[in-house]
Amino acid sequence: MRERLELQEQARQDLEANIEERTFELQVTLRELEEKNRELEQLNMEDALTKTKNRRYFDKKLLMDIRRSRREQTPLAIIMLDIDHFKAINDTYGHLTGDQTIQSAADVIKQHLKRPLDEVARYGGEEFVVLLPNTPLAGALEIAEQIRKAAENTDIIVAGTTIKFTLSAGVYSAIAEDINNPSLFTDYADKALYHAKQTGRNRVVSYPLPD
């Protein structure tokens, strides 16, 4: 009888130990899974070439920032930036150098964003977009001008050849009124960028456009 009780006790302890071990393994697996999901989420939000945020992330962030702007009645600024004569860089030096130019432009922009909520995303091709919450037009113009000057003074050295590039920028800032029309901000900044391109490049222009 005593022997049987001892065997039962041993079996119970073995089972408990087994359950503890399995539970621990499951917790480790779940933690690894959570980390993988976070990494995947990061990849889904990130542009592979520049390590800035991608267009998909930007569209979501713009909507959030517009809602905050309207709720708090604070200005939201947006800067659209484009590498000047990018096709000529690509055609003359090749796609690898073109990619390096895009990376350099992204690095220059990132260096000038100081606050945690300021964000840069690759908008497409050689175009970038910067979101600056709680920033009036004068502040956004100043940042855009700093980025433009820094780009102008940046050298890219490829196989012993020094390449220079410039950026044009369009800036718009306002307190959001219509949260159902987020593209209004990008449209106005884009109009200003187009004007900067048309009037000589390597310039910063704001919307409403100058007369």
C-alpha atoms as a PDB file:
ATOM      1  CA  MET A   1       0.000   0.000   0.000  1.00  0.00           C
ATOM      2  CA  ARG A   2       2.746   2.428   1.040  1.00  0.00           C
ATOM      3  CA  GLU A   3       4.699   1.513  -2.066  1.00  0.00           C
ATOM      4  CA  ARG A   4       1.708   2.264  -4.257  1.00  0.00           C
ATOM      5  CA  LEU A   5       1.222   5.662  -2.585  1.00  0.00           C
ATOM      6  CA  GLU A   6       4.896   6.467  -3.123  1.00  0.00           C
ATOM      7  CA  LEU A   7       4.571   5.500  -6.785  1.00  0.00           C
ATOM      8  CA  GLN A   8       1.461   7.689  -7.128  1.00  0.00           C
ATOM      9  CA  GLU A   9       3.282  10.598  -5.446  1.00  0.00           C
ATOM     10  CA  GLN A  10       6.261  10.144  -7.764  1.00  0.00           C
ATOM     11  CA  ALA A  11       3.962  10.018 -10.784  1.00  0.00           C
ATOM     12  CA  ARG A  12       2.226  13.236  -9.603  1.00  0.00           C
ATOM     13  CA  GLN A  13       5.558  15.021  -9.130  1.00  0.00           C
ATOM     14  CA  ASP A  14       6.766  13.848 -12.558  1.00  0.00           C
ATOM     15  CA  LEU A  15       3.555  15.100 -14.134  1.00  0.00           C
ATOM     16  CA  GLU A  16       3.853  18.491 -12.389  1.00  0.00           C
ATOM     17  CA  ALA A  17       7.475  18.815 -13.468  1.00  0.00           C
ATOM     18  CA  ASN A  18       6.462  17.913 -17.021  1.00  0.00           C
ATOM     19  CA  ILE A  19       3.643  20.482 -17.010  1.00  0.00           C
ATOM     20  CA  GLU A  20       6.002  23.177 -15.638  1.00  0.00           C
ATOM     21  CA  GLU A  21       8.549  22.374 -18.322  1.00  0.00           C
ATOM     22  CA  ARG A  22       5.929  22.482 -21.080  1.00  0.00           C
ATOM     23  CA  THR A  23       4.481  25.740 -19.707  1.00  0.00           C
ATOM     24  CA  PHE A  24       7.946  27.307 -19.661  1.00  0.00           C
ATOM     25  CA  GLU A  25       8.620  26.122 -23.242  1.00  0.00           C
ATOM     26  CA  LEU A  26       5.275  27.573 -24.327  1.00  0.00           C
ATOM     27  CA  GLN A  27       6.061  30.937 -22.692  1.00  0.00           C
ATOM     28  CA  VAL A  28       9.450  31.055 -24.437  1.00  0.00           C
ATOM     29  CA  THR A  29       7.815  30.192 -27.789  1.00  0.00           C
ATOM     30  CA  LEU A  30       5.127  32.860 -27.285  1.00  0.00           C
ATOM     31  CA  ARG A  31       7.770  35.464 -26.442  1.00  0.00           C
ATOM     32  CA  GLU A  32       9.765  34.545 -29.553  1.00  0.00           C
ATOM     33  CA  LEU A  33       6.573  34.773 -31.591  1.00  0.00           C
ATOM     34  CA  GLU A  34       5.812  38.236 -30.193  1.00  0.00           C
ATOM     35  CA  GLU A  35       9.340  39.392 -31.075  1.00  0.00           C
ATOM     36  CA  LYS A  36       8.997  38.003 -34.606  1.00  0.00           C
ATOM     37  CA  ASN A  37       5.647  39.777 -34.996  1.00  0.00           C
ATOM     38  CA  ARG A  38       7.215  43.049 -33.831  1.00  0.00           C
ATOM     39  CA  GLU A  39      10.073  42.605 -36.318  1.00  0.00           C
ATOM     40  CA  LEU A  40       7.573  41.846 -39.085  1.00  0.00           C
ATOM     41  CA  GLU A  41       5.508  44.898 -38.178  1.00  0.00           C
ATOM     42  CA  GLN A  42       8.692  47.000 -38.279  1.00  0.00           C
ATOM     43  CA  LEU A  43       9.533  45.625 -41.746  1.00  0.00           C
ATOM     44  CA  ASN A  44       6.003  46.374 -42.966  1.00  0.00           C
ATOM     45  CA  MET A  45       6.427  50.010 -41.872  1.00  0.00           C
ATOM     46  CA  GLU A  46       9.999  50.516 -43.082  1.00  0.00           C
ATOM     47  CA  ASP A  47      11.499  51.337 -46.453  1.00  0.00           C
ATOM     48  CA  ALA A  48      14.222  48.739 -47.066  1.00  0.00           C
ATOM     49  CA  LEU A  49      16.654  51.065 -48.885  1.00  0.00           C
ATOM     50  CA  THR A  50      16.606  54.145 -46.658  1.00  0.00           C
ATOM     51  CA  LYS A  51      15.471  52.704 -43.295  1.00  0.00           C
ATOM     52  CA  THR A  52      12.953  55.535 -43.110  1.00  0.00           C
ATOM     53  CA  LYS A  53       9.244  54.810 -42.777  1.00  0.00           C
ATOM     54  CA  ASN A  54       7.386  53.736 -45.924  1.00  0.00           C
ATOM     55  CA  ARG A  55       4.354  55.197 -47.710  1.00  0.00           C
ATOM     56  CA  ARG A  56       1.936  52.807 -46.006  1.00  0.00           C
ATOM     57  CA  TYR A  57       3.069  53.950 -42.552  1.00  0.00           C
ATOM     58  CA  PHE A  58       3.025  57.605 -43.623  1.00  0.00           C
ATOM     59  CA  ASP A  59      -0.617  57.419 -44.745  1.00  0.00           C
ATOM     60  CA  LYS A  60      -1.633  56.127 -41.281  1.00  0.00           C
ATOM     61  CA  LYS A  61       0.544  58.654 -39.421  1.00  0.00           C
ATOM     62  CA  LEU A  62      -0.808  61.554 -41.483  1.00  0.00           C
ATOM     63  CA  LEU A  63      -4.366  60.639 -40.520  1.00  0.00           C
ATOM     64  CA  MET A  64      -3.410  60.420 -36.820  1.00  0.00           C
ATOM     65  CA  ASP A  65      -1.574  63.751 -36.934  1.00  0.00           C
ATOM     66  CA  ILE A  66      -4.478  65.456 -38.715  1.00  0.00           C
ATOM     67  CA  ARG A  67      -6.890  64.243 -36.031  1.00  0.00           C
ATOM     68  CA  ARG A  68      -4.540  65.496 -33.303  1.00  0.00           C
ATOM     69  CA  SER A  69      -4.141  68.848 -35.061  1.00  0.00           C
ATOM     70  CA  ARG A  70      -7.897  69.376 -35.188  1.00  0.00           C
ATOM     71  CA  ARG A  71      -8.471  68.111 -31.639  1.00  0.00           C
ATOM     72  CA  GLU A  72      -5.711  70.241 -30.071  1.00  0.00           C
ATOM     73  CA  GLN A  73      -6.021  73.142 -32.547  1.00  0.00           C
ATOM     74  CA  THR A  74      -2.271  73.058 -33.278  1.00  0.00           C
ATOM     75  CA  PRO A  75      -0.652  73.489 -36.710  1.00  0.00           C
ATOM     76  CA  LEU A  76       0.552  70.419 -38.603  1.00  0.00           C
ATOM     77  CA  ALA A  77       3.368  71.039 -41.096  1.00  0.00           C
ATOM     78  CA  ILE A  78       4.331  68.858 -44.014  1.00  0.00           C
ATOM     79  CA  ILE A  79       7.457  69.067 -46.199  1.00  0.00           C
ATOM     80  CA  MET A  80       7.665  67.279 -49.546  1.00  0.00           C
ATOM     81  CA  LEU A  81      11.254  66.857 -50.788  1.00  0.00           C
ATOM     82  CA  ASP A  82      12.564  65.645 -54.108  1.00  0.00           C
ATOM     83  CA  ILE A  83      16.121  64.982 -55.364  1.00  0.00           C
ATOM     84  CA  ASP A  84      16.860  67.354 -58.251  1.00  0.00           C
ATOM     85  CA  HIS A  85      17.867  65.904 -61.639  1.00  0.00           C
ATOM     86  CA  PHE A  86      17.709  62.380 -60.212  1.00  0.00           C
ATOM     87  CA  LYS A  87      17.231  60.768 -63.627  1.00  0.00           C
ATOM     88  CA  ALA A  88      20.481  62.350 -64.828  1.00  0.00           C
ATOM     89  CA  ILE A  89      22.332  60.926 -61.766  1.00  0.00           C
ATOM     90  CA  ASN A  90      20.900  57.476 -62.499  1.00  0.00           C
ATOM     91  CA  ASP A  91      21.646  57.651 -66.223  1.00  0.00           C
ATOM     92  CA  THR A  92      25.200  58.988 -65.759  1.00  0.00           C
ATOM     93  CA  TYR A  93      26.414  56.928 -62.800  1.00  0.00           C
ATOM     94  CA  GLY A  94      24.064  53.926 -62.704  1.00  0.00           C
ATOM     95  CA  HIS A  95      21.366  52.638 -60.354  1.00  0.00           C
ATOM     96  CA  LEU A  96      23.722  51.756 -57.484  1.00  0.00           C
ATOM     97  CA  THR A  97      24.882  55.360 -57.282  1.00  0.00           C
ATOM     98  CA  GLY A  98      21.256  56.431 -57.604  1.00  0.00           C
ATOM     99  CA  ASP A  99      20.419  54.270 -54.590  1.00  0.00           C
ATOM    100  CA  GLN A 100      23.323  55.773 -52.625  1.00  0.00           C
ATOM    101  CA  THR A 101      22.046  59.258 -53.453  1.00  0.00           C
ATOM    102  CA  ILE A 102      18.578  58.331 -52.147  1.00  0.00           C
ATOM    103  CA  GLN A 103      20.171  56.933 -48.957  1.00  0.00           C
ATOM    104  CA  SER A 104      22.260  60.101 -48.480  1.00  0.00           C
ATOM    105  CA  ALA A 105      19.193  62.296 -48.937  1.00  0.00           C
ATOM    106  CA  ALA A 106      17.328  60.228 -46.313  1.00  0.00           C
ATOM    107  CA  ASP A 107      20.253  60.550 -43.875  1.00  0.00           C
ATOM    108  CA  VAL A 108      20.427  64.330 -44.344  1.00  0.00           C
ATOM    109  CA  ILE A 109      16.682  64.665 -43.672  1.00  0.00           C
ATOM    110  CA  LYS A 110      16.785  62.386 -40.598  1.00  0.00           C
ATOM    111  CA  GLN A 111      19.620  64.423 -39.056  1.00  0.00           C
ATOM    112  CA  HIS A 112      17.407  67.524 -38.980  1.00  0.00           C
ATOM    113  CA  LEU A 113      14.407  65.992 -37.212  1.00  0.00           C
ATOM    114  CA  LYS A 114      14.924  66.569 -33.506  1.00  0.00           C
ATOM    115  CA  ARG A 115      11.610  65.714 -31.825  1.00  0.00           C
ATOM    116  CA  PRO A 116      10.210  62.219 -31.197  1.00  0.00           C
ATOM    117  CA  LEU A 117       6.966  62.861 -33.131  1.00  0.00           C
ATOM    118  CA  ASP A 118       8.704  64.320 -36.217  1.00  0.00           C
ATOM    119  CA  GLU A 119       8.732  61.691 -38.942  1.00  0.00           C
ATOM    120  CA  VAL A 120      10.235  61.176 -42.401  1.00  0.00           C
ATOM    121  CA  ALA A 121       8.976  58.645 -44.922  1.00  0.00           C
ATOM    122  CA  ARG A 122      10.023  57.715 -48.418  1.00  0.00           C
ATOM    123  CA  TYR A 123       7.044  58.824 -50.465  1.00  0.00           C
ATOM    124  CA  GLY A 124       8.132  57.050 -53.622  1.00  0.00           C
ATOM    125  CA  GLY A 125      11.198  56.908 -55.873  1.00  0.00           C
ATOM    126  CA  GLU A 126      13.434  59.871 -55.023  1.00  0.00           C
ATOM    127  CA  GLU A 127      10.712  61.739 -53.102  1.00  0.00           C
ATOM    128  CA  PHE A 128      10.422  62.082 -49.318  1.00  0.00           C
ATOM    129  CA  VAL A 129       7.790  63.515 -47.013  1.00  0.00           C
ATOM    130  CA  VAL A 130       8.296  64.954 -43.524  1.00  0.00           C
ATOM    131  CA  LEU A 131       5.543  65.334 -40.912  1.00  0.00           C
ATOM    132  CA  LEU A 132       6.065  67.986 -38.235  1.00  0.00           C
ATOM    133  CA  PRO A 133       3.238  68.076 -35.661  1.00  0.00           C
ATOM    134  CA  ASN A 134       2.651  71.308 -33.756  1.00  0.00           C
ATOM    135  CA  THR A 135       4.848  73.305 -36.158  1.00  0.00           C
ATOM    136  CA  PRO A 136       3.862  76.651 -37.725  1.00  0.00           C
ATOM    137  CA  LEU A 137       4.894  77.514 -41.276  1.00  0.00           C
ATOM    138  CA  ALA A 138       7.925  79.594 -40.229  1.00  0.00           C
ATOM    139  CA  GLY A 139       9.371  76.670 -38.235  1.00  0.00           C
ATOM    140  CA  ALA A 140       8.778  74.186 -41.058  1.00  0.00           C
ATOM    141  CA  LEU A 141      10.377  76.540 -43.605  1.00  0.00           C
ATOM    142  CA  GLU A 142      13.434  76.860 -41.387  1.00  0.00           C
ATOM    143  CA  ILE A 143      13.832  73.062 -41.131  1.00  0.00           C
ATOM    144  CA  ALA A 144      13.314  72.646 -44.891  1.00  0.00           C
ATOM    145  CA  GLU A 145      15.957  75.301 -45.580  1.00  0.00           C
ATOM    146  CA  GLN A 146      18.424  73.609 -43.184  1.00  0.00           C
ATOM    147  CA  ILE A 147      17.868  70.291 -44.995  1.00  0.00           C
ATOM    148  CA  ARG A 148      18.315  71.962 -48.409  1.00  0.00           C
ATOM    149  CA  LYS A 149      21.621  73.577 -47.359  1.00  0.00           C
ATOM    150  CA  ALA A 150      22.919  70.354 -45.786  1.00  0.00           C
ATOM    151  CA  ALA A 151      22.135  68.383 -48.966  1.00  0.00           C
ATOM    152  CA  GLU A 152      23.923  70.992 -51.077  1.00  0.00           C
ATOM    153  CA  ASN A 153      27.039  70.488 -48.918  1.00  0.00           C
ATOM    154  CA  THR A 154      26.929  66.676 -48.944  1.00  0.00           C
ATOM    155  CA  ASP A 155      29.368  64.731 -51.095  1.00  0.00           C
ATOM    156  CA  ILE A 156      28.788  61.153 -52.220  1.00  0.00           C
ATOM    157  CA  ILE A 157      32.001  59.373 -53.151  1.00  0.00           C
ATOM    158  CA  VAL A 158      31.591  56.355 -55.411  1.00  0.00           C
ATOM    159  CA  ALA A 159      34.650  54.554 -56.811  1.00  0.00           C
ATOM    160  CA  GLY A 160      36.764  57.683 -56.331  1.00  0.00           C
ATOM    161  CA  THR A 161      34.207  59.946 -58.016  1.00  0.00           C
ATOM    162  CA  THR A 162      32.587  62.736 -55.981  1.00  0.00           C
ATOM    163  CA  ILE A 163      28.919  63.307 -56.721  1.00  0.00           C
ATOM    164  CA  LYS A 164      26.832  66.205 -55.456  1.00  0.00           C
ATOM    165  CA  PHE A 165      23.049  66.495 -55.290  1.00  0.00           C
ATOM    166  CA  THR A 166      20.455  69.081 -54.313  1.00  0.00           C
ATOM    167  CA  LEU A 167      16.903  68.925 -52.971  1.00  0.00           C
ATOM    168  CA  SER A 168      13.802  70.948 -53.754  1.00  0.00           C
ATOM    169  CA  ALA A 169      11.119  71.286 -51.078  1.00  0.00           C
ATOM    170  CA  GLY A 170       7.459  72.237 -50.832  1.00  0.00           C
ATOM    171  CA  VAL A 171       6.059  73.233 -47.425  1.00  0.00           C
ATOM    172  CA  TYR A 172       2.532  73.563 -46.058  1.00  0.00           C
ATOM    173  CA  SER A 173       1.308  74.140 -42.498  1.00  0.00           C
ATOM    174  CA  ALA A 174      -2.203  74.584 -41.106  1.00  0.00           C
ATOM    175  CA  ILE A 175      -4.553  73.605 -38.305  1.00  0.00           C
ATOM    176  CA  ALA A 176      -6.515  70.679 -39.744  1.00  0.00           C
ATOM    177  CA  GLU A 177     -10.214  71.254 -40.331  1.00  0.00           C
ATOM    178  CA  ASP A 178     -11.371  68.315 -42.442  1.00  0.00           C
ATOM    179  CA  ILE A 179     -10.162  64.988 -41.023  1.00  0.00           C
ATOM    180  CA  ASN A 180     -11.807  63.163 -43.946  1.00  0.00           C
ATOM    181  CA  ASN A 181      -9.517  64.790 -46.497  1.00  0.00           C
ATOM    182  CA  PRO A 182      -5.915  64.082 -45.380  1.00  0.00           C
ATOM    183  CA  SER A 183      -4.599  64.359 -48.956  1.00  0.00           C
ATOM    184  CA  LEU A 184      -5.228  68.126 -48.790  1.00  0.00           C
ATOM    185  CA  PHE A 185      -1.946  68.523 -46.871  1.00  0.00           C
ATOM    186  CA  THR A 186       0.100  66.430 -49.329  1.00  0.00           C
ATOM    187  CA  ASP A 187      -1.580  68.118 -52.323  1.00  0.00           C
ATOM    188  CA  TYR A 188      -0.671  71.631 -51.151  1.00  0.00           C
ATOM    189  CA  ALA A 189       2.906  70.644 -50.226  1.00  0.00           C
ATOM    190  CA  ASP A 190       3.204  68.926 -53.608  1.00  0.00           C
ATOM    191  CA  LYS A 191       2.014  72.054 -55.441  1.00  0.00           C
ATOM    192  CA  ALA A 192       4.702  74.060 -53.614  1.00  0.00           C
ATOM    193  CA  LEU A 193       7.329  71.403 -54.485  1.00  0.00           C
ATOM    194  CA  TYR A 194       6.291  71.522 -58.161  1.00  0.00           C
ATOM    195  CA  HIS A 195       6.662  75.317 -58.094  1.00  0.00           C
ATOM    196  CA  ALA A 196      10.174  74.966 -56.574  1.00  0.00           C
ATOM    197  CA  LYS A 197      11.109  72.571 -59.390  1.00  0.00           C
ATOM    198  CA  GLN A 198       9.664  74.835 -62.089  1.00  0.00           C
ATOM    199  CA  THR A 199      11.435  77.949 -60.826  1.00  0.00           C
ATOM    200  CA  GLY A 200      15.002  76.693 -60.710  1.00  0.00           C
ATOM    201  CA  ARG A 201      15.249  73.745 -58.241  1.00  0.00           C
ATOM    202  CA  ASN A 202      17.397  73.616 -55.069  1.00  0.00           C
ATOM    203  CA  ARG A 203      14.759  75.853 -53.468  1.00  0.00           C
ATOM    204  CA  VAL A 204      12.174  75.836 -50.691  1.00  0.00           C
ATOM    205  CA  VAL A 205       8.680  77.088 -51.579  1.00  0.00           C
ATOM    206  CA  SER A 206       5.611  77.246 -49.344  1.00  0.00           C
ATOM    207  CA  TYR A 207       1.891  77.074 -50.111  1.00  0.00           C
ATOM    208  CA  PRO A 208       0.009  79.360 -50.766  1.00  0.00           C
ATOM    209  CA  LEU A 209       2.383  79.973 -53.661  1.00  0.00           C
ATOM    210  CA  PRO A 210       4.209  83.292 -54.009  1.00  0.00           C
ATOM    211  CA  ASP A 211       2.721  85.705 -56.580  1.00  0.00           C
END
